[in-house]
Amino acid sequence: MKIVANEVVYNAFGFSIKSKIPFPELLIDSNKLKSIDIEIEIKDLSDIWLALSEPQSTLVVNETLVMFKVQDIAIFLIEEGRRITVSPINEYKEDVIRLYLLGSCMGAILMQRGIFPLHGSAVSINGKAYAVIGDSGAGKSTLASAFLHQGYQLLTDDIIGVYFTEDDVPMVIPSYPQQKLWQQSLKEFGIDNRKFKPIYQRETKFAIPINHKFTSTRQPLGGLFELVINDKEQIEFSVIEGLSRLQTLFIHTYRNLLIKNLGLSEWHFTKSTKLVNQINMYQLSRPQTAFTADELVSIILSCINEEKGK
């Protein structure tokens, strides 16, 4: 099993993360005096998994831990928002393990720490964070990349961590300087995919470093745009109103299946209510067959400028 000899402290989602598993996509935390928020370690979890799991199950969740098994990859254990333990199965597939650590594991960590995780991307516009949420494949990262090509900066891709200040202002936490883009999106932006490595089990999706287009400054959440796909030939724009706002937040909470078993149903409802009372929410419905990212950027910027003028 390949393990890096020296532990390195990284910074992501506002946390200092100490790990023996290398993370080339993360920024190294240079503050030697800063306390460690999260530790990632490698240890055999076989006995614990057998004791806690049911036959054929792949997920165990209670109020103190989240544990899941990825066939032929690893068992992952996330505890109390502070520790992630990885138990590789068979061959040690470091690239794949990193995907789960920065995805599902980090989503569980955020929930355990009381940080609201949304599934989407967030970009910085006029000093505020604007979130694009939606299902997998809706085009969230592509739309965020279109903003970057127009000079805006990325706060986060895939998971949007939102917390509330003492004055109940929703704030977005920057994650790390990387995007995941499909080959077709790279082609539309004139980017040569041969420079980048395909993501595991996604031969036409690539991890793209964006250090110079990333901001590490936390910013207030200015608004939410839900991106969906339609079978029409044009973009449709609408305001999300009423109870649909709460439903939209629940649907696009990252790994929302964890909410109930972590004992966070009341917490999630309370935070969702605070969010919908402070920000506007919109839906952008785009045609599946056309590249509309640039047009969507124009619509969103017009919407933001109209709000600003009111």
Protein backbone atom coordinates (compact mmCIF):
# COMPACT_ATOMS: atom_id res chain seq x y z
CA MET A 1 0.00 0.00 0.00
CA LYS A 2 1.44 3.36 -1.03
CA ILE A 3 1.35 5.93 1.75
CA VAL A 4 3.12 9.27 1.82
CA ALA A 5 5.73 9.26 4.62
CA ASN A 6 5.14 12.80 5.84
CA GLU A 7 1.80 14.32 6.75
CA VAL A 8 0.93 17.54 4.95
CA VAL A 9 -1.51 20.20 6.11
CA TYR A 10 -3.81 21.54 3.40
CA ASN A 11 -6.53 24.18 3.30
CA ALA A 12 -9.97 23.54 1.81
CA PHE A 13 -13.50 24.66 2.72
CA GLY A 14 -11.91 26.96 5.30
CA PHE A 15 -10.44 24.00 7.22
CA SER A 16 -6.87 23.00 7.91
CA ILE A 17 -6.69 19.34 6.87
CA LYS A 18 -3.81 17.09 7.93
CA SER A 19 -3.34 14.07 5.67
CA LYS A 20 -0.83 11.42 4.67
CA ILE A 21 -2.74 11.05 1.41
CA PRO A 22 -1.43 13.72 -0.99
CA PHE A 23 -3.91 16.22 -2.47
CA PRO A 24 -2.29 18.00 -5.45
CA GLU A 25 -5.54 19.87 -6.10
CA LEU A 26 -5.53 21.53 -2.66
CA LEU A 27 -3.63 24.54 -1.37
CA ILE A 28 -0.97 23.80 1.26
CA ASP A 29 -1.67 25.57 4.56
CA SER A 30 1.45 27.59 5.39
CA ASN A 31 0.26 28.63 8.86
CA LYS A 32 2.32 26.33 11.09
CA LEU A 33 0.65 27.60 14.28
CA LYS A 34 -2.91 27.02 13.09
CA SER A 35 -4.79 24.21 14.83
CA ILE A 36 -5.85 21.19 12.78
CA ASP A 37 -9.57 21.00 11.97
CA ILE A 38 -9.73 17.67 10.13
CA GLU A 39 -7.42 14.65 10.12
CA ILE A 40 -7.39 12.05 7.35
CA GLU A 41 -5.83 8.70 8.18
CA ILE A 42 -5.55 5.23 6.71
CA LYS A 43 -6.55 2.30 8.92
CA ASP A 44 -8.23 -1.08 8.60
CA LEU A 45 -11.98 -0.63 9.17
CA SER A 46 -13.04 -4.18 8.30
CA ASP A 47 -14.07 -5.20 11.82
CA ILE A 48 -15.94 -1.95 12.51
CA TRP A 49 -17.79 -2.26 9.20
CA LEU A 50 -18.85 -5.84 9.95
CA ALA A 51 -20.05 -4.83 13.41
CA LEU A 52 -22.11 -1.83 12.28
CA SER A 53 -23.40 -2.72 8.81
CA GLU A 54 -26.16 -5.00 7.61
CA PRO A 55 -25.48 -7.65 4.94
CA GLN A 56 -25.32 -6.13 1.45
CA SER A 57 -25.51 -2.60 2.85
CA THR A 58 -23.18 0.16 1.64
CA LEU A 59 -24.04 2.93 4.13
CA VAL A 60 -24.20 3.30 7.90
CA VAL A 61 -25.33 6.61 9.42
CA ASN A 62 -26.05 7.71 12.97
CA GLU A 63 -25.76 10.96 14.91
CA THR A 64 -21.99 10.60 15.41
CA LEU A 65 -20.72 8.97 12.23
CA VAL A 66 -21.17 8.36 8.53
CA MET A 67 -19.64 5.18 7.13
CA PHE A 68 -19.87 3.92 3.56
CA LYS A 69 -18.30 1.27 1.39
CA VAL A 70 -17.37 1.66 -2.28
CA GLN A 71 -16.99 -1.75 -3.89
CA ASP A 72 -13.36 -2.65 -4.65
CA ILE A 73 -12.22 0.85 -3.63
CA ALA A 74 -12.41 1.54 0.13
CA ILE A 75 -14.45 1.89 3.30
CA PHE A 76 -14.77 5.48 4.52
CA LEU A 77 -15.55 6.59 8.08
CA ILE A 78 -16.42 10.22 8.90
CA GLU A 79 -16.69 11.06 12.60
CA GLU A 80 -17.88 14.16 14.46
CA GLY A 81 -16.85 16.56 11.71
CA ARG A 82 -13.19 16.12 12.60
CA ARG A 83 -11.82 12.83 11.36
CA ILE A 84 -11.93 10.81 8.14
CA THR A 85 -10.57 7.27 8.12
CA VAL A 86 -9.95 5.40 4.87
CA SER A 87 -9.64 1.63 4.61
CA PRO A 88 -8.56 0.67 1.06
CA ILE A 89 -9.92 -2.55 -0.44
CA ASN A 90 -7.66 -4.66 -2.63
CA GLU A 91 -5.47 -2.35 -4.74
CA TYR A 92 -4.83 1.13 -3.32
CA LYS A 93 -6.40 3.53 -5.86
CA GLU A 94 -5.30 6.92 -4.60
CA ASP A 95 -6.88 9.05 -7.37
CA VAL A 96 -10.27 7.43 -6.81
CA ILE A 97 -10.05 7.68 -3.03
CA ARG A 98 -9.32 11.41 -3.30
CA LEU A 99 -12.53 11.90 -5.29
CA TYR A 100 -14.60 10.41 -2.48
CA LEU A 101 -12.66 12.28 0.21
CA LEU A 102 -13.30 15.65 -1.46
CA GLY A 103 -16.87 14.71 -2.40
CA SER A 104 -19.07 12.55 -0.18
CA CYS A 105 -16.72 12.64 2.82
CA MET A 106 -16.43 16.41 2.77
CA GLY A 107 -20.19 16.76 2.34
CA ALA A 108 -20.69 14.67 5.49
CA ILE A 109 -18.06 16.70 7.36
CA LEU A 110 -19.89 19.94 6.52
CA MET A 111 -23.20 18.58 7.78
CA GLN A 112 -21.62 17.28 10.99
CA ARG A 113 -20.17 20.75 11.55
CA GLY A 114 -23.48 22.51 10.95
CA ILE A 115 -22.52 23.92 7.56
CA PHE A 116 -25.27 23.81 4.92
CA PRO A 117 -23.97 21.92 1.83
CA LEU A 118 -25.56 22.61 -1.55
CA HIS A 119 -24.83 20.68 -4.74
CA GLY A 120 -23.52 23.21 -7.20
CA SER A 121 -20.95 25.85 -8.09
CA ALA A 122 -20.55 29.39 -6.79
CA VAL A 123 -18.91 32.38 -8.46
CA SER A 124 -17.99 35.81 -7.14
CA ILE A 125 -19.90 38.72 -8.70
CA ASN A 126 -19.60 42.26 -7.30
CA GLY A 127 -18.35 41.00 -3.94
CA LYS A 128 -21.11 38.43 -3.44
CA ALA A 129 -21.34 34.69 -4.07
CA TYR A 130 -23.97 33.51 -6.53
CA ALA A 131 -24.78 29.82 -6.52
CA VAL A 132 -25.77 27.64 -9.45
CA ILE A 133 -27.43 24.49 -8.13
CA GLY A 134 -28.89 21.52 -9.97
CA ASP A 135 -28.79 17.81 -10.64
CA SER A 136 -25.70 16.04 -11.93
CA GLY A 137 -25.26 16.79 -15.62
CA ALA A 138 -27.35 19.97 -15.57
CA GLY A 139 -24.34 22.06 -16.59
CA LYS A 140 -23.46 23.80 -13.31
CA SER A 141 -19.68 23.61 -13.73
CA THR A 142 -19.88 24.59 -17.39
CA LEU A 143 -21.92 27.67 -16.51
CA ALA A 144 -19.45 28.58 -13.75
CA SER A 145 -16.60 28.17 -16.23
CA ALA A 146 -18.34 30.58 -18.62
CA PHE A 147 -18.29 33.15 -15.81
CA LEU A 148 -14.55 32.54 -15.30
CA HIS A 149 -13.94 33.13 -19.00
CA GLN A 150 -15.56 36.53 -18.58
CA GLY A 151 -13.20 37.50 -15.76
CA TYR A 152 -15.15 36.41 -12.69
CA GLN A 153 -13.73 34.15 -9.97
CA LEU A 154 -14.77 30.76 -8.61
CA LEU A 155 -15.43 30.09 -4.94
CA THR A 156 -16.36 26.43 -5.19
CA ASP A 157 -17.32 23.65 -7.59
CA ASP A 158 -19.56 20.66 -6.74
CA ILE A 159 -20.14 21.44 -3.03
CA ILE A 160 -21.23 24.87 -1.79
CA GLY A 161 -20.69 25.22 1.95
CA VAL A 162 -22.96 27.88 3.48
CA TYR A 163 -22.80 29.02 7.11
CA PHE A 164 -24.52 31.86 8.96
CA THR A 165 -22.79 34.71 10.79
CA GLU A 166 -23.93 35.92 14.22
CA ASP A 167 -26.18 38.35 12.34
CA ASP A 168 -27.63 35.44 10.32
CA VAL A 169 -25.95 36.50 7.07
CA PRO A 170 -25.44 33.42 4.83
CA MET A 171 -21.79 33.15 3.81
CA VAL A 172 -20.19 30.88 1.18
CA ILE A 173 -16.89 29.16 2.03
CA PRO A 174 -14.34 28.83 -0.81
CA SER A 175 -13.36 25.20 -1.37
CA TYR A 176 -10.29 24.68 -3.59
CA PRO A 177 -9.10 25.82 -7.04
CA GLN A 178 -10.37 23.08 -9.34
CA GLN A 179 -13.29 22.46 -11.69
CA LYS A 180 -14.61 19.29 -13.28
CA LEU A 181 -15.63 19.80 -16.92
CA TRP A 182 -16.91 17.55 -19.68
CA GLN A 183 -14.95 17.22 -22.91
CA GLN A 184 -17.70 18.97 -24.89
CA SER A 185 -17.50 21.97 -22.55
CA LEU A 186 -13.72 22.14 -22.93
CA LYS A 187 -14.17 22.10 -26.70
CA GLU A 188 -16.66 24.98 -26.55
CA PHE A 189 -14.20 27.01 -24.44
CA GLY A 190 -11.27 26.16 -26.74
CA ILE A 191 -9.39 24.16 -24.08
CA ASP A 192 -7.20 21.21 -25.10
CA ASN A 193 -8.22 18.24 -22.94
CA ARG A 194 -4.90 16.47 -23.56
CA LYS A 195 -3.38 18.66 -20.85
CA PHE A 196 -5.64 17.18 -18.18
CA LYS A 197 -6.34 13.83 -16.56
CA PRO A 198 -9.77 12.18 -16.94
CA ILE A 199 -11.77 11.66 -13.76
CA TYR A 200 -12.28 8.06 -12.60
CA GLN A 201 -15.13 6.33 -14.50
CA ARG A 202 -15.71 9.57 -16.43
CA GLU A 203 -13.47 9.20 -19.48
CA THR A 204 -14.79 12.41 -21.01
CA LYS A 205 -14.79 14.51 -17.81
CA PHE A 206 -11.61 16.22 -16.64
CA ALA A 207 -10.22 17.90 -13.52
CA ILE A 208 -9.14 21.44 -14.45
CA PRO A 209 -6.93 23.49 -12.08
CA ILE A 210 -7.95 27.17 -11.95
CA ASN A 211 -5.58 28.74 -9.40
CA HIS A 212 -5.58 32.20 -11.01
CA LYS A 213 -9.39 32.24 -11.30
CA PHE A 214 -10.09 31.22 -7.71
CA THR A 215 -10.87 33.45 -4.74
CA SER A 216 -10.23 32.30 -1.18
CA THR A 217 -12.32 35.10 0.34
CA ARG A 218 -15.59 34.14 2.01
CA GLN A 219 -18.51 36.08 0.57
CA PRO A 220 -22.18 36.62 1.41
CA LEU A 221 -24.59 34.56 -0.63
CA GLY A 222 -26.31 36.90 -3.06
CA GLY A 223 -28.73 34.53 -4.78
CA LEU A 224 -29.46 31.04 -6.05
CA PHE A 225 -30.05 29.92 -9.62
CA GLU A 226 -31.39 26.41 -10.19
CA LEU A 227 -30.27 25.01 -13.54
CA VAL A 228 -32.47 22.40 -15.20
CA ILE A 229 -32.67 20.85 -18.68
CA ASN A 230 -35.72 21.08 -20.94
CA ASP A 231 -36.70 19.56 -24.27
CA LYS A 232 -37.37 22.91 -25.90
CA GLU A 233 -35.23 25.10 -28.13
CA GLN A 234 -34.83 28.15 -25.91
CA ILE A 235 -33.92 29.14 -22.37
CA GLU A 236 -36.76 29.75 -19.94
CA PHE A 237 -36.32 31.96 -16.88
CA SER A 238 -38.61 32.02 -13.83
CA VAL A 239 -38.69 33.04 -10.17
CA ILE A 240 -38.92 30.23 -7.60
CA GLU A 241 -41.59 31.20 -5.10
CA GLY A 242 -43.46 29.92 -2.06
CA LEU A 243 -42.90 26.45 -0.65
CA SER A 244 -41.09 25.49 -3.85
CA ARG A 245 -38.11 27.40 -2.47
CA LEU A 246 -37.77 25.04 0.51
CA GLN A 247 -38.29 22.00 -1.70
CA THR A 248 -35.61 23.22 -4.11
CA LEU A 249 -33.11 23.64 -1.28
CA PHE A 250 -33.82 20.15 0.04
CA ILE A 251 -33.53 18.52 -3.39
CA HIS A 252 -30.18 20.19 -4.03
CA THR A 253 -28.67 19.70 -0.58
CA TYR A 254 -25.52 17.68 -1.16
CA ARG A 255 -26.10 14.07 -0.03
CA ASN A 256 -29.51 14.95 1.40
CA LEU A 257 -30.13 11.28 2.28
CA LEU A 258 -27.88 11.85 5.31
CA ILE A 259 -30.05 14.57 6.86
CA LYS A 260 -32.57 12.39 8.70
CA ASN A 261 -30.18 9.75 10.02
CA LEU A 262 -27.74 12.39 11.27
CA GLY A 263 -30.61 13.83 13.30
CA LEU A 264 -30.47 17.07 11.33
CA SER A 265 -34.01 17.39 9.96
CA GLU A 266 -34.94 20.30 12.24
CA TRP A 267 -31.54 21.94 11.68
CA HIS A 268 -31.93 21.66 7.91
CA PHE A 269 -35.44 23.12 7.94
CA THR A 270 -34.37 26.03 10.17
CA LYS A 271 -31.37 26.89 7.98
CA SER A 272 -33.42 26.52 4.81
CA THR A 273 -36.02 28.93 6.17
CA LYS A 274 -33.32 31.47 6.98
CA LEU A 275 -31.94 31.16 3.46
CA VAL A 276 -35.21 31.62 1.60
CA ASN A 277 -36.08 34.64 3.75
CA GLN A 278 -32.88 36.44 2.75
CA ILE A 279 -32.14 35.64 -0.88
CA ASN A 280 -33.95 35.43 -4.19
CA MET A 281 -34.12 32.12 -6.04
CA TYR A 282 -34.57 31.59 -9.77
CA GLN A 283 -34.80 28.73 -12.22
CA LEU A 284 -33.03 28.64 -15.55
CA SER A 285 -34.31 25.94 -17.88
CA ARG A 286 -31.96 25.31 -20.78
CA PRO A 287 -32.22 23.19 -23.96
CA GLN A 288 -30.25 19.97 -23.81
CA THR A 289 -28.91 20.03 -27.35
CA ALA A 290 -27.35 23.51 -27.52
CA PHE A 291 -24.42 25.22 -25.79
CA THR A 292 -26.08 28.07 -23.92
CA ALA A 293 -23.58 28.90 -21.14
CA ASP A 294 -22.69 32.36 -22.46
CA GLU A 295 -26.36 33.29 -22.89
CA LEU A 296 -27.10 32.02 -19.37
CA VAL A 297 -24.31 34.23 -18.01
CA SER A 298 -25.93 37.27 -19.65
CA ILE A 299 -29.32 36.41 -18.17
CA ILE A 300 -27.90 35.96 -14.67
CA LEU A 301 -25.90 39.20 -14.83
CA SER A 302 -28.99 41.10 -16.05
CA CYS A 303 -30.99 39.64 -13.17
CA ILE A 304 -28.34 40.64 -10.62
CA ASN A 305 -28.07 44.15 -12.05
CA GLU A 306 -31.85 44.53 -11.99
CA GLU A 307 -31.92 43.49 -8.32
CA LYS A 308 -29.15 45.95 -7.56
CA GLY A 309 -31.11 48.76 -9.18
CA LYS A 310 -34.22 48.20 -7.08
